[in-house]
Amino acid sequence: PYAIERYTKEAGRLYGVLDRRLAE
């Protein structure tokens, strides 16, 4: 569970970074 939560959350964070760049 720790590893799943850790990397799932990090994936979401990185998609957020990508999404903000592609907004501009």
PDB file of all heavy atoms in Angstrom:
ATOM      1  N   PRO A   1       0.801  -1.225   0.000  1.00  0.00           N
ATOM      2  CA  PRO A   1       0.000   0.000   0.000  1.00  0.00           C
ATOM      3  C   PRO A   1       0.836   1.278   0.000  1.00  0.00           C
ATOM      4  O   PRO A   1       0.480   2.245  -0.677  1.00  0.00           O
ATOM      5  CB  PRO A   1      -0.841  -0.130   1.275  1.00  0.00           C
ATOM      6  CG  PRO A   1      -0.949  -1.609   1.493  1.00  0.00           C
ATOM      7  CD  PRO A   1       0.370  -2.161   1.065  1.00  0.00           C
ATOM      8  N   TYR A   2       1.928   1.296   0.778  1.00  0.00           N
ATOM      9  CA  TYR A   2       2.750   2.504   0.811  1.00  0.00           C
ATOM     10  C   TYR A   2       3.295   2.835  -0.569  1.00  0.00           C
ATOM     11  O   TYR A   2       3.238   3.989  -1.022  1.00  0.00           O
ATOM     12  CB  TYR A   2       3.909   2.340   1.798  1.00  0.00           C
ATOM     13  CG  TYR A   2       4.876   3.503   1.751  1.00  0.00           C
ATOM     14  CD1 TYR A   2       4.613   4.679   2.443  1.00  0.00           C
ATOM     15  CD2 TYR A   2       6.044   3.431   0.987  1.00  0.00           C
ATOM     16  CE1 TYR A   2       5.474   5.762   2.376  1.00  0.00           C
ATOM     17  CE2 TYR A   2       6.915   4.509   0.908  1.00  0.00           C
ATOM     18  CZ  TYR A   2       6.630   5.669   1.613  1.00  0.00           C
ATOM     19  OH  TYR A   2       7.486   6.737   1.533  1.00  0.00           O
ATOM     20  N   ALA A   3       3.859   1.838  -1.258  1.00  0.00           N
ATOM     21  CA  ALA A   3       4.443   2.073  -2.583  1.00  0.00           C
ATOM     22  C   ALA A   3       3.366   2.468  -3.590  1.00  0.00           C
ATOM     23  O   ALA A   3       3.572   3.375  -4.414  1.00  0.00           O
ATOM     24  CB  ALA A   3       5.175   0.827  -3.059  1.00  0.00           C
ATOM     25  N   ILE A   4       2.212   1.816  -3.541  1.00  0.00           N
ATOM     26  CA  ILE A   4       1.129   2.149  -4.460  1.00  0.00           C
ATOM     27  C   ILE A   4       0.685   3.593  -4.258  1.00  0.00           C
ATOM     28  O   ILE A   4       0.531   4.356  -5.221  1.00  0.00           O
ATOM     29  CB  ILE A   4      -0.049   1.180  -4.274  1.00  0.00           C
ATOM     30  CG1 ILE A   4       0.354  -0.233  -4.733  1.00  0.00           C
ATOM     31  CG2 ILE A   4      -1.281   1.664  -5.037  1.00  0.00           C
ATOM     32  CD1 ILE A   4      -0.657  -1.304  -4.388  1.00  0.00           C
ATOM     33  N   GLU A   5       0.487   3.987  -2.986  1.00  0.00           N
ATOM     34  CA  GLU A   5       0.064   5.360  -2.704  1.00  0.00           C
ATOM     35  C   GLU A   5       1.137   6.359  -3.110  1.00  0.00           C
ATOM     36  O   GLU A   5       0.839   7.399  -3.717  1.00  0.00           O
ATOM     37  CB  GLU A   5      -0.268   5.520  -1.224  1.00  0.00           C
ATOM     38  CG  GLU A   5      -0.754   6.929  -0.873  1.00  0.00           C
ATOM     39  CD  GLU A   5      -1.078   7.080   0.602  1.00  0.00           C
ATOM     40  OE1 GLU A   5      -0.736   6.181   1.385  1.00  0.00           O
ATOM     41  OE2 GLU A   5      -1.672   8.124   0.963  1.00  0.00           O
ATOM     42  N   ARG A   6       2.378   6.047  -2.804  1.00  0.00           N
ATOM     43  CA  ARG A   6       3.488   6.953  -3.106  1.00  0.00           C
ATOM     44  C   ARG A   6       3.566   7.249  -4.598  1.00  0.00           C
ATOM     45  O   ARG A   6       3.627   8.415  -5.010  1.00  0.00           O
ATOM     46  CB  ARG A   6       4.797   6.312  -2.628  1.00  0.00           C
ATOM     47  CG  ARG A   6       6.077   6.898  -3.213  1.00  0.00           C
ATOM     48  CD  ARG A   6       6.468   8.193  -2.526  1.00  0.00           C
ATOM     49  NE  ARG A   6       7.747   8.670  -3.027  1.00  0.00           N
ATOM     50  CZ  ARG A   6       7.901   9.501  -4.052  1.00  0.00           C
ATOM     51  NH1 ARG A   6       6.843   9.933  -4.707  1.00  0.00           N
ATOM     52  NH2 ARG A   6       9.103   9.903  -4.417  1.00  0.00           N
ATOM     53  N   TYR A   7       3.566   6.228  -5.418  1.00  0.00           N
ATOM     54  CA  TYR A   7       3.779   6.441  -6.845  1.00  0.00           C
ATOM     55  C   TYR A   7       2.507   6.860  -7.569  1.00  0.00           C
ATOM     56  O   TYR A   7       2.578   7.554  -8.579  1.00  0.00           O
ATOM     57  CB  TYR A   7       4.419   5.201  -7.469  1.00  0.00           C
ATOM     58  CG  TYR A   7       5.838   5.022  -6.984  1.00  0.00           C
ATOM     59  CD1 TYR A   7       6.184   3.983  -6.137  1.00  0.00           C
ATOM     60  CD2 TYR A   7       6.835   5.938  -7.340  1.00  0.00           C
ATOM     61  CE1 TYR A   7       7.487   3.846  -5.663  1.00  0.00           C
ATOM     62  CE2 TYR A   7       8.124   5.805  -6.879  1.00  0.00           C
ATOM     63  CZ  TYR A   7       8.447   4.758  -6.039  1.00  0.00           C
ATOM     64  OH  TYR A   7       9.740   4.639  -5.568  1.00  0.00           O
ATOM     65  N   THR A   8       1.342   6.481  -7.058  1.00  0.00           N
ATOM     66  CA  THR A   8       0.098   6.964  -7.642  1.00  0.00           C
ATOM     67  C   THR A   8      -0.039   8.467  -7.426  1.00  0.00           C
ATOM     68  O   THR A   8      -0.408   9.208  -8.346  1.00  0.00           O
ATOM     69  CB  THR A   8      -1.104   6.212  -7.060  1.00  0.00           C
ATOM     70  OG1 THR A   8      -0.964   4.810  -7.316  1.00  0.00           O
ATOM     71  CG2 THR A   8      -2.402   6.704  -7.676  1.00  0.00           C
ATOM     72  N   LYS A   9       0.275   8.919  -6.217  1.00  0.00           N
ATOM     73  CA  LYS A   9       0.204  10.357  -5.940  1.00  0.00           C
ATOM     74  C   LYS A   9       1.235  11.137  -6.747  1.00  0.00           C
ATOM     75  O   LYS A   9       0.957  12.237  -7.239  1.00  0.00           O
ATOM     76  CB  LYS A   9       0.405  10.619  -4.442  1.00  0.00           C
ATOM     77  CG  LYS A   9      -0.801  10.277  -3.593  1.00  0.00           C
ATOM     78  CD  LYS A   9      -0.588  10.681  -2.141  1.00  0.00           C
ATOM     79  CE  LYS A   9      -1.844  10.469  -1.328  1.00  0.00           C
ATOM     80  NZ  LYS A   9      -1.644  10.855   0.099  1.00  0.00           N
ATOM     81  N   GLU A  10       2.422  10.581  -6.894  1.00  0.00           N
ATOM     82  CA  GLU A  10       3.446  11.274  -7.666  1.00  0.00           C
ATOM     83  C   GLU A  10       3.058  11.333  -9.143  1.00  0.00           C
ATOM     84  O   GLU A  10       3.306  12.343  -9.821  1.00  0.00           O
ATOM     85  CB  GLU A  10       4.797  10.583  -7.494  1.00  0.00           C
ATOM     86  CG  GLU A  10       5.945  11.218  -8.267  1.00  0.00           C
ATOM     87  CD  GLU A  10       6.276  12.649  -7.857  1.00  0.00           C
ATOM     88  OE1 GLU A  10       5.648  13.195  -6.918  1.00  0.00           O
ATOM     89  OE2 GLU A  10       7.168  13.247  -8.493  1.00  0.00           O
ATOM     90  N   ALA A  11       2.439  10.275  -9.639  1.00  0.00           N
ATOM     91  CA  ALA A  11       1.955  10.309 -11.019  1.00  0.00           C
ATOM     92  C   ALA A  11       0.932  11.422 -11.195  1.00  0.00           C
ATOM     93  O   ALA A  11       0.981  12.182 -12.170  1.00  0.00           O
ATOM     94  CB  ALA A  11       1.342   8.956 -11.403  1.00  0.00           C
ATOM     95  N   GLY A  12       0.019  11.548 -10.245  1.00  0.00           N
ATOM     96  CA  GLY A  12      -0.969  12.615 -10.314  1.00  0.00           C
ATOM     97  C   GLY A  12      -0.329  13.992 -10.263  1.00  0.00           C
ATOM     98  O   GLY A  12      -0.748  14.918 -10.979  1.00  0.00           O
ATOM     99  N   ARG A  13       0.674  14.147  -9.425  1.00  0.00           N
ATOM    100  CA  ARG A  13       1.380  15.436  -9.351  1.00  0.00           C
ATOM    101  C   ARG A  13       2.026  15.775 -10.687  1.00  0.00           C
ATOM    102  O   ARG A  13       1.941  16.915 -11.176  1.00  0.00           O
ATOM    103  CB  ARG A  13       2.441  15.401  -8.250  1.00  0.00           C
ATOM    104  CG  ARG A  13       3.115  16.754  -8.029  1.00  0.00           C
ATOM    105  CD  ARG A  13       4.328  16.624  -7.121  1.00  0.00           C
ATOM    106  NE  ARG A  13       5.463  16.001  -7.807  1.00  0.00           N
ATOM    107  CZ  ARG A  13       6.289  16.665  -8.636  1.00  0.00           C
ATOM    108  NH1 ARG A  13       6.106  17.955  -8.896  1.00  0.00           N
ATOM    109  NH2 ARG A  13       7.296  16.025  -9.202  1.00  0.00           N
ATOM    110  N   LEU A  14       2.683  14.797 -11.301  1.00  0.00           N
ATOM    111  CA  LEU A  14       3.372  15.033 -12.568  1.00  0.00           C
ATOM    112  C   LEU A  14       2.389  15.338 -13.693  1.00  0.00           C
ATOM    113  O   LEU A  14       2.661  16.199 -14.542  1.00  0.00           O
ATOM    114  CB  LEU A  14       4.237  13.824 -12.920  1.00  0.00           C
ATOM    115  CG  LEU A  14       5.465  13.636 -12.018  1.00  0.00           C
ATOM    116  CD1 LEU A  14       6.050  12.245 -12.188  1.00  0.00           C
ATOM    117  CD2 LEU A  14       6.518  14.696 -12.303  1.00  0.00           C
ATOM    118  N   TYR A  15       1.252  14.663 -13.714  1.00  0.00           N
ATOM    119  CA  TYR A  15       0.235  15.011 -14.706  1.00  0.00           C
ATOM    120  C   TYR A  15      -0.274  16.436 -14.485  1.00  0.00           C
ATOM    121  O   TYR A  15      -0.625  17.138 -15.444  1.00  0.00           O
ATOM    122  CB  TYR A  15      -0.921  14.027 -14.679  1.00  0.00           C
ATOM    123  CG  TYR A  15      -0.677  12.807 -15.529  1.00  0.00           C
ATOM    124  CD1 TYR A  15      -0.399  11.564 -14.952  1.00  0.00           C
ATOM    125  CD2 TYR A  15      -0.724  12.883 -16.923  1.00  0.00           C
ATOM    126  CE1 TYR A  15      -0.168  10.441 -15.740  1.00  0.00           C
ATOM    127  CE2 TYR A  15      -0.484  11.762 -17.716  1.00  0.00           C
ATOM    128  CZ  TYR A  15      -0.205  10.553 -17.119  1.00  0.00           C
ATOM    129  OH  TYR A  15       0.030   9.450 -17.893  1.00  0.00           O
ATOM    130  N   GLY A  16      -0.309  16.865 -13.238  1.00  0.00           N
ATOM    131  CA  GLY A  16      -0.697  18.242 -12.961  1.00  0.00           C
ATOM    132  C   GLY A  16       0.307  19.235 -13.532  1.00  0.00           C
ATOM    133  O   GLY A  16      -0.071  20.277 -14.082  1.00  0.00           O
ATOM    134  N   VAL A  17       1.592  18.920 -13.403  1.00  0.00           N
ATOM    135  CA  VAL A  17       2.638  19.759 -13.989  1.00  0.00           C
ATOM    136  C   VAL A  17       2.467  19.821 -15.510  1.00  0.00           C
ATOM    137  O   VAL A  17       2.523  20.912 -16.117  1.00  0.00           O
ATOM    138  CB  VAL A  17       4.039  19.211 -13.634  1.00  0.00           C
ATOM    139  CG1 VAL A  17       5.133  19.973 -14.378  1.00  0.00           C
ATOM    140  CG2 VAL A  17       4.271  19.284 -12.125  1.00  0.00           C
ATOM    141  N   LEU A  18       2.255  18.669 -16.117  1.00  0.00           N
ATOM    142  CA  LEU A  18       2.069  18.600 -17.565  1.00  0.00           C
ATOM    143  C   LEU A  18       0.823  19.382 -17.988  1.00  0.00           C
ATOM    144  O   LEU A  18       0.845  20.134 -18.976  1.00  0.00           O
ATOM    145  CB  LEU A  18       1.949  17.133 -17.987  1.00  0.00           C
ATOM    146  CG  LEU A  18       1.841  16.818 -19.480  1.00  0.00           C
ATOM    147  CD1 LEU A  18       3.074  17.281 -20.230  1.00  0.00           C
ATOM    148  CD2 LEU A  18       1.622  15.315 -19.680  1.00  0.00           C
ATOM    149  N   ASP A  19      -0.248  19.234 -17.242  1.00  0.00           N
ATOM    150  CA  ASP A  19      -1.492  19.913 -17.586  1.00  0.00           C
ATOM    151  C   ASP A  19      -1.344  21.429 -17.527  1.00  0.00           C
ATOM    152  O   ASP A  19      -1.862  22.151 -18.398  1.00  0.00           O
ATOM    153  CB  ASP A  19      -2.608  19.449 -16.642  1.00  0.00           C
ATOM    154  CG  ASP A  19      -3.992  19.761 -17.180  1.00  0.00           C
ATOM    155  OD1 ASP A  19      -4.373  19.153 -18.192  1.00  0.00           O
ATOM    156  OD2 ASP A  19      -4.685  20.613 -16.596  1.00  0.00           O
ATOM    157  N   ARG A  20      -0.638  21.923 -16.514  1.00  0.00           N
ATOM    158  CA  ARG A  20      -0.451  23.374 -16.396  1.00  0.00           C
ATOM    159  C   ARG A  20       0.395  23.920 -17.542  1.00  0.00           C
ATOM    160  O   ARG A  20       0.130  25.005 -18.058  1.00  0.00           O
ATOM    161  CB  ARG A  20       0.177  23.713 -15.045  1.00  0.00           C
ATOM    162  CG  ARG A  20      -0.791  23.519 -13.880  1.00  0.00           C
ATOM    163  CD  ARG A  20      -0.245  24.079 -12.591  1.00  0.00           C
ATOM    164  NE  ARG A  20       0.939  23.365 -12.116  1.00  0.00           N
ATOM    165  CZ  ARG A  20       0.880  22.267 -11.365  1.00  0.00           C
ATOM    166  NH1 ARG A  20      -0.294  21.721 -11.050  1.00  0.00           N
ATOM    167  NH2 ARG A  20       1.992  21.683 -10.947  1.00  0.00           N
ATOM    168  N   ARG A  21       1.421  23.169 -17.952  1.00  0.00           N
ATOM    169  CA  ARG A  21       2.221  23.617 -19.090  1.00  0.00           C
ATOM    170  C   ARG A  21       1.385  23.657 -20.361  1.00  0.00           C
ATOM    171  O   ARG A  21       1.463  24.607 -21.152  1.00  0.00           O
ATOM    172  CB  ARG A  21       3.426  22.684 -19.285  1.00  0.00           C
ATOM    173  CG  ARG A  21       4.195  22.926 -20.577  1.00  0.00           C
ATOM    174  CD  ARG A  21       4.648  24.365 -20.715  1.00  0.00           C
ATOM    175  NE  ARG A  21       5.327  24.602 -21.980  1.00  0.00           N
ATOM    176  CZ  ARG A  21       5.567  25.808 -22.480  1.00  0.00           C
ATOM    177  NH1 ARG A  21       5.160  26.896 -21.816  1.00  0.00           N
ATOM    178  NH2 ARG A  21       6.194  25.944 -23.626  1.00  0.00           N
ATOM    179  N   LEU A  22       0.560  22.642 -20.553  1.00  0.00           N
ATOM    180  CA  LEU A  22      -0.240  22.562 -21.770  1.00  0.00           C
ATOM    181  C   LEU A  22      -1.439  23.501 -21.752  1.00  0.00           C
ATOM    182  O   LEU A  22      -2.108  23.673 -22.771  1.00  0.00           O
ATOM    183  CB  LEU A  22      -0.677  21.117 -22.003  1.00  0.00           C
ATOM    184  CG  LEU A  22       0.484  20.166 -22.323  1.00  0.00           C
ATOM    185  CD1 LEU A  22       0.013  18.715 -22.303  1.00  0.00           C
ATOM    186  CD2 LEU A  22       1.120  20.502 -23.668  1.00  0.00           C
ATOM    187  N   ALA A  23      -1.709  24.129 -20.617  1.00  0.00           N
ATOM    188  CA  ALA A  23      -2.724  25.181 -20.559  1.00  0.00           C
ATOM    189  C   ALA A  23      -2.214  26.466 -21.198  1.00  0.00           C
ATOM    190  O   ALA A  23      -3.009  27.305 -21.630  1.00  0.00           O
ATOM    191  CB  ALA A  23      -3.130  25.444 -19.116  1.00  0.00           C
ATOM    192  N   GLU A  24      -0.893  26.607 -21.263  1.00  0.00           N
ATOM    193  CA  GLU A  24      -0.307  27.840 -21.796  1.00  0.00           C
ATOM    194  C   GLU A  24       0.380  27.655 -23.137  1.00  0.00           C
ATOM    195  O   GLU A  24       0.846  28.623 -23.728  1.00  0.00           O
ATOM    196  CB  GLU A  24       0.704  28.405 -20.785  1.00  0.00           C
ATOM    197  CG  GLU A  24       1.856  27.472 -20.464  1.00  0.00           C
ATOM    198  CD  GLU A  24       2.732  27.959 -19.326  1.00  0.00           C
ATOM    199  OE1 GLU A  24       2.248  28.797 -18.520  1.00  0.00           O
ATOM    200  OE2 GLU A  24       3.894  27.520 -19.225  1.00  0.00           O
TER     201      GLU A  24
END
